[in-house]
C-alpha atoms as a PDB file:
ATOM      1  CA  MET A   1     -27.534  33.326  35.890  1.00  0.00           C
ATOM      2  CA  ASN A   2     -24.795  30.968  36.886  1.00  0.00           C
ATOM      3  CA  PHE A   3     -24.411  27.400  35.648  1.00  0.00           C
ATOM      4  CA  THR A   4     -22.911  24.634  37.776  1.00  0.00           C
ATOM      5  CA  PRO A   5     -22.303  21.241  36.149  1.00  0.00           C
ATOM      6  CA  THR A   6     -23.056  18.134  38.187  1.00  0.00           C
ATOM      7  CA  GLU A   7     -21.338  14.748  38.107  1.00  0.00           C
ATOM      8  CA  ILE A   8     -23.767  13.641  35.353  1.00  0.00           C
ATOM      9  CA  GLU A   9     -22.888  15.174  31.996  1.00  0.00           C
ATOM     10  CA  GLY A  10     -25.553  17.613  30.859  1.00  0.00           C
ATOM     11  CA  VAL A  11     -27.282  17.908  34.230  1.00  0.00           C
ATOM     12  CA  VAL A  12     -26.656  21.494  35.291  1.00  0.00           C
ATOM     13  CA  ARG A  13     -27.779  23.491  38.316  1.00  0.00           C
ATOM     14  CA  ILE A  14     -28.905  26.963  37.265  1.00  0.00           C
ATOM     15  CA  GLY A  15     -28.611  29.686  39.873  1.00  0.00           C
ATOM     16  CA  LEU A  16     -30.154  33.108  39.744  1.00  0.00           C
ATOM     17  CA  THR A  17     -28.292  36.405  39.831  1.00  0.00           C
ATOM     18  CA  PRO A  18     -30.883  38.594  41.559  1.00  0.00           C
ATOM     19  CA  HIS A  19     -30.940  42.366  41.360  1.00  0.00           C
ATOM     20  CA  ARG A  20     -32.290  43.463  44.757  1.00  0.00           C
ATOM     21  CA  ASP A  21     -33.893  46.663  45.938  1.00  0.00           C
ATOM     22  CA  GLU A  22     -36.518  47.744  48.458  1.00  0.00           C
ATOM     23  CA  ARG A  23     -39.248  45.949  46.464  1.00  0.00           C
ATOM     24  CA  GLY A  24     -37.522  42.546  46.518  1.00  0.00           C
ATOM     25  CA  PHE A  25     -35.560  41.283  43.540  1.00  0.00           C
ATOM     26  CA  PHE A  26     -35.657  40.764  39.808  1.00  0.00           C
ATOM     27  CA  ALA A  27     -33.807  37.913  38.116  1.00  0.00           C
ATOM     28  CA  ARG A  28     -33.597  36.448  34.667  1.00  0.00           C
ATOM     29  CA  VAL A  29     -34.619  32.772  34.744  1.00  0.00           C
ATOM     30  CA  TYR A  30     -33.972  31.943  31.079  1.00  0.00           C
ATOM     31  CA  CYS A  31     -31.968  33.649  28.352  1.00  0.00           C
ATOM     32  CA  LEU A  32     -31.098  31.940  25.079  1.00  0.00           C
ATOM     33  CA  GLU A  33     -27.869  33.967  24.773  1.00  0.00           C
ATOM     34  CA  GLU A  34     -26.680  33.184  28.323  1.00  0.00           C
ATOM     35  CA  PHE A  35     -27.395  29.496  27.833  1.00  0.00           C
ATOM     36  CA  ALA A  36     -25.514  29.505  24.518  1.00  0.00           C
ATOM     37  CA  ALA A  37     -22.538  31.321  26.123  1.00  0.00           C
ATOM     38  CA  ALA A  38     -22.468  28.533  28.754  1.00  0.00           C
ATOM     39  CA  GLY A  39     -22.468  25.906  25.978  1.00  0.00           C
ATOM     40  CA  LEU A  40     -26.049  24.827  26.679  1.00  0.00           C
ATOM     41  CA  ALA A  41     -28.352  24.359  23.696  1.00  0.00           C
ATOM     42  CA  PHE A  42     -31.858  24.639  25.134  1.00  0.00           C
ATOM     43  CA  THR A  43     -34.835  26.330  23.501  1.00  0.00           C
ATOM     44  CA  PRO A  44     -38.167  26.046  25.332  1.00  0.00           C
ATOM     45  CA  LYS A  45     -41.144  24.772  23.350  1.00  0.00           C
ATOM     46  CA  GLN A  46     -43.600  24.039  26.170  1.00  0.00           C
ATOM     47  CA  MET A  47     -44.109  25.003  29.825  1.00  0.00           C
ATOM     48  CA  ASN A  48     -45.852  22.777  32.394  1.00  0.00           C
ATOM     49  CA  LEU A  49     -46.923  23.234  36.004  1.00  0.00           C
ATOM     50  CA  SER A  50     -47.130  20.478  38.612  1.00  0.00           C
ATOM     51  CA  ARG A  51     -49.201  21.480  41.650  1.00  0.00           C
ATOM     52  CA  ASN A  52     -48.748  19.213  44.671  1.00  0.00           C
ATOM     53  CA  ALA A  53     -51.007  19.548  47.703  1.00  0.00           C
ATOM     54  CA  ALA A  54     -49.086  17.367  50.147  1.00  0.00           C
ATOM     55  CA  GLY A  55     -45.509  17.125  51.300  1.00  0.00           C
ATOM     56  CA  GLY A  56     -44.170  13.648  50.568  1.00  0.00           C
ATOM     57  CA  THR A  57     -45.714  13.524  47.085  1.00  0.00           C
ATOM     58  CA  LEU A  58     -43.499  11.587  44.686  1.00  0.00           C
ATOM     59  CA  ARG A  59     -43.668  12.009  40.913  1.00  0.00           C
ATOM     60  CA  GLY A  60     -41.442   9.959  38.659  1.00  0.00           C
ATOM     61  CA  LEU A  61     -39.139   8.632  37.523  1.00  0.00           C
ATOM     62  CA  HIS A  62     -40.304   9.768  34.035  1.00  0.00           C
ATOM     63  CA  PHE A  63     -38.792  10.134  30.574  1.00  0.00           C
ATOM     64  CA  GLN A  64     -39.894  10.213  26.928  1.00  0.00           C
ATOM     65  CA  ALA A  65     -38.844   7.365  24.638  1.00  0.00           C
ATOM     66  CA  PRO A  66     -36.599   8.192  21.676  1.00  0.00           C
ATOM     67  CA  PRO A  67     -37.009   9.752  19.190  1.00  0.00           C
ATOM     68  CA  TYR A  68     -39.217  11.926  21.398  1.00  0.00           C
ATOM     69  CA  ALA A  69     -36.713  12.333  24.226  1.00  0.00           C
ATOM     70  CA  GLU A  70     -36.802  15.755  25.824  1.00  0.00           C
ATOM     71  CA  ALA A  71     -34.657  18.039  27.923  1.00  0.00           C
ATOM     72  CA  LYS A  72     -36.253  20.059  30.694  1.00  0.00           C
ATOM     73  CA  ILE A  73     -35.542  22.794  33.172  1.00  0.00           C
ATOM     74  CA  VAL A  74     -37.210  22.197  36.533  1.00  0.00           C
ATOM     75  CA  ARG A  75     -37.821  25.107  38.913  1.00  0.00           C
ATOM     76  CA  VAL A  76     -39.872  25.336  42.106  1.00  0.00           C
ATOM     77  CA  THR A  77     -42.137  28.383  42.291  1.00  0.00           C
ATOM     78  CA  ARG A  78     -43.693  27.519  45.657  1.00  0.00           C
ATOM     79  CA  GLY A  79     -42.420  25.152  48.349  1.00  0.00           C
ATOM     80  CA  ALA A  80     -39.467  22.769  47.976  1.00  0.00           C
ATOM     81  CA  ILE A  81     -38.563  19.434  46.365  1.00  0.00           C
ATOM     82  CA  PHE A  82     -35.831  16.836  46.303  1.00  0.00           C
ATOM     83  CA  ASP A  83     -35.226  16.659  42.542  1.00  0.00           C
ATOM     84  CA  VAL A  84     -33.642  13.594  40.929  1.00  0.00           C
ATOM     85  CA  ALA A  85     -32.089  12.915  37.515  1.00  0.00           C
ATOM     86  CA  VAL A  86     -31.058   9.387  36.482  1.00  0.00           C
ATOM     87  CA  ASP A  87     -28.683   8.865  33.562  1.00  0.00           C
ATOM     88  CA  LEU A  88     -30.218   6.306  31.151  1.00  0.00           C
ATOM     89  CA  ARG A  89     -27.686   6.756  28.333  1.00  0.00           C
ATOM     90  CA  PRO A  90     -25.901   3.366  27.985  1.00  0.00           C
ATOM     91  CA  GLU A  91     -22.846   5.011  26.377  1.00  0.00           C
ATOM     92  CA  SER A  92     -22.443   7.455  29.267  1.00  0.00           C
ATOM     93  CA  PRO A  93     -19.762   6.879  31.928  1.00  0.00           C
ATOM     94  CA  THR A  94     -22.448   7.707  34.509  1.00  0.00           C
ATOM     95  CA  TYR A  95     -25.067   5.306  33.113  1.00  0.00           C
ATOM     96  CA  ARG A  96     -27.506   4.309  35.896  1.00  0.00           C
ATOM     97  CA  HIS A  97     -26.065   6.970  38.225  1.00  0.00           C
ATOM     98  CA  TRP A  98     -28.365   9.515  39.799  1.00  0.00           C
ATOM     99  CA  ILE A  99     -28.054  12.926  41.362  1.00  0.00           C
ATOM    100  CA  GLY A 100     -30.406  14.601  43.781  1.00  0.00           C
ATOM    101  CA  ALA A 101     -30.727  18.294  44.520  1.00  0.00           C
ATOM    102  CA  ARG A 102     -32.893  20.312  46.860  1.00  0.00           C
ATOM    103  CA  LEU A 103     -34.734  22.956  44.869  1.00  0.00           C
ATOM    104  CA  GLU A 104     -36.817  25.575  46.631  1.00  0.00           C
ATOM    105  CA  ALA A 105     -38.807  28.609  45.641  1.00  0.00           C
ATOM    106  CA  GLU A 106     -36.798  30.800  48.007  1.00  0.00           C
ATOM    107  CA  SER A 107     -33.497  30.316  46.141  1.00  0.00           C
ATOM    108  CA  GLY A 108     -35.001  30.112  42.661  1.00  0.00           C
ATOM    109  CA  ASP A 109     -32.381  27.577  41.540  1.00  0.00           C
ATOM    110  CA  ALA A 110     -33.331  25.180  38.759  1.00  0.00           C
ATOM    111  CA  LEU A 111     -32.009  21.937  37.315  1.00  0.00           C
ATOM    112  CA  LEU A 112     -31.430  21.360  33.609  1.00  0.00           C
ATOM    113  CA  ILE A 113     -32.023  17.693  32.817  1.00  0.00           C
ATOM    114  CA  PRO A 114     -30.895  16.581  29.345  1.00  0.00           C
ATOM    115  CA  GLU A 115     -32.385  14.064  26.958  1.00  0.00           C
ATOM    116  CA  GLY A 116     -31.624  10.521  28.025  1.00  0.00           C
ATOM    117  CA  CYS A 117     -32.204  11.117  31.720  1.00  0.00           C
ATOM    118  CA  ALA A 118     -35.209  10.105  33.786  1.00  0.00           C
ATOM    119  CA  HIS A 119     -36.612  12.685  36.185  1.00  0.00           C
ATOM    120  CA  GLY A 120     -38.578  12.585  39.405  1.00  0.00           C
ATOM    121  CA  PHE A 121     -39.090  14.537  42.575  1.00  0.00           C
ATOM    122  CA  LEU A 122     -40.377  14.281  46.113  1.00  0.00           C
ATOM    123  CA  THR A 123     -42.115  17.314  47.598  1.00  0.00           C
ATOM    124  CA  LEU A 124     -40.601  18.451  50.872  1.00  0.00           C
ATOM    125  CA  GLU A 125     -43.440  20.814  51.807  1.00  0.00           C
ATOM    126  CA  ASP A 126     -47.200  21.005  51.423  1.00  0.00           C
ATOM    127  CA  GLU A 127     -48.471  23.216  48.586  1.00  0.00           C
ATOM    128  CA  THR A 128     -45.462  22.857  46.305  1.00  0.00           C
ATOM    129  CA  ASP A 129     -45.557  24.029  42.680  1.00  0.00           C
ATOM    130  CA  VAL A 130     -42.994  22.878  40.127  1.00  0.00           C
ATOM    131  CA  LEU A 131     -42.596  24.627  36.776  1.00  0.00           C
ATOM    132  CA  TYR A 132     -41.085  22.791  33.810  1.00  0.00           C
ATOM    133  CA  LEU A 133     -39.662  24.312  30.637  1.00  0.00           C
ATOM    134  CA  MET A 134     -39.509  21.620  27.940  1.00  0.00           C
ATOM    135  CA  ASP A 135     -37.455  21.702  24.747  1.00  0.00           C
ATOM    136  CA  ARG A 136     -39.936  19.472  22.893  1.00  0.00           C
ATOM    137  CA  MET A 137     -43.693  19.279  22.669  1.00  0.00           C
ATOM    138  CA  PHE A 138     -45.170  16.343  24.581  1.00  0.00           C
ATOM    139  CA  THR A 139     -45.919  13.441  22.259  1.00  0.00           C
ATOM    140  CA  PRO A 140     -48.673  11.161  23.582  1.00  0.00           C
ATOM    141  CA  GLY A 141     -47.874   7.467  23.718  1.00  0.00           C
ATOM    142  CA  HIS A 142     -44.154   7.908  24.365  1.00  0.00           C
ATOM    143  CA  ALA A 143     -44.119   8.573  28.107  1.00  0.00           C
ATOM    144  CA  ARG A 144     -42.054   6.026  30.002  1.00  0.00           C
ATOM    145  CA  GLY A 145     -40.915   5.574  33.556  1.00  0.00           C
ATOM    146  CA  LEU A 146     -38.929   3.584  36.069  1.00  0.00           C
ATOM    147  CA  ARG A 147     -39.754   2.486  39.579  1.00  0.00           C
ATOM    148  CA  TYR A 148     -38.716   5.207  42.011  1.00  0.00           C
ATOM    149  CA  ASP A 149     -37.302   2.529  44.336  1.00  0.00           C
ATOM    150  CA  ASP A 150     -35.501   0.381  41.740  1.00  0.00           C
ATOM    151  CA  PRO A 151     -32.499  -1.139  43.591  1.00  0.00           C
ATOM    152  CA  ALA A 152     -30.481  -1.130  40.339  1.00  0.00           C
ATOM    153  CA  ILE A 153     -30.527   2.672  40.524  1.00  0.00           C
ATOM    154  CA  GLY A 154     -30.588   3.096  44.298  1.00  0.00           C
ATOM    155  CA  VAL A 155     -31.984   6.606  44.664  1.00  0.00           C
ATOM    156  CA  VAL A 156     -31.826   7.619  48.323  1.00  0.00           C
ATOM    157  CA  TRP A 157     -34.946   9.697  48.873  1.00  0.00           C
ATOM    158  CA  PRO A 158     -34.938  11.972  51.960  1.00  0.00           C
ATOM    159  CA  SER A 159     -38.108  10.252  53.237  1.00  0.00           C
ATOM    160  CA  PRO A 160     -40.535   7.586  52.050  1.00  0.00           C
ATOM    161  CA  PRO A 161     -43.258   8.904  49.738  1.00  0.00           C
ATOM    162  CA  ARG A 162     -46.654   9.480  51.312  1.00  0.00           C
ATOM    163  CA  VAL A 163     -48.496  10.135  48.032  1.00  0.00           C
ATOM    164  CA  ILE A 164     -47.667   8.347  44.774  1.00  0.00           C
ATOM    165  CA  SER A 165     -49.871   7.541  41.803  1.00  0.00           C
ATOM    166  CA  ALA A 166     -50.829   4.005  40.803  1.00  0.00           C
ATOM    167  CA  ALA A 167     -49.205   4.711  37.423  1.00  0.00           C
ATOM    168  CA  ASP A 168     -45.868   5.598  39.043  1.00  0.00           C
ATOM    169  CA  LEU A 169     -46.035   2.489  41.223  1.00  0.00           C
ATOM    170  CA  ALA A 170     -46.614   0.367  38.103  1.00  0.00           C
ATOM    171  CA  TRP A 171     -43.458   1.447  36.231  1.00  0.00           C
ATOM    172  CA  PRO A 172     -41.022  -1.441  35.703  1.00  0.00           C
ATOM    173  CA  PRO A 173     -37.425  -1.565  36.942  1.00  0.00           C
ATOM    174  CA  LEU A 174     -34.613  -0.465  34.644  1.00  0.00           C
ATOM    175  CA  ALA A 175     -33.780  -4.072  33.712  1.00  0.00           C
ATOM    176  CA  ALA A 176     -37.172  -4.375  31.963  1.00  0.00           C
ATOM    177  CA  TRP A 177     -36.233  -1.636  29.455  1.00  0.00           C
ATOM    178  CA  ARG A 178     -33.273  -3.517  27.949  1.00  0.00           C
END
């Protein structure tokens, strides 16, 4: 694996190092020792799958309220997404900044999103599956979110969403969380 930091501290792109032969390839997608050697403390506790039938499906922007904040690794196993992390840590120099990355099953790249960041994605293809490794068990009642189109954050999505849940449309803007 290779680890590439982004402009938001703690958000890291994780690339595969495939071993190829006539059958295809084999690659390690998580290794506690490799993460530790890269200075990343992440131990999975839960794995989730998001199956999305239609391209243009938007999920997010989601986070867990402290003290139940969670870090996650997001990887596409089928299709492609535009993946977004928003820094919600007031003490961070990149507070309210966001990064977006194209993740696709073909490359196998993933994004590590630390505690204190909201997460969302827009599917770029029909039949897209997104696999999440979480470092904390989900705690009901602590899920939070922000409007995907909050002008205070200014995420530039590659296209308008075609499918979005009523719950995601009902999230307040960032200013409401102060």
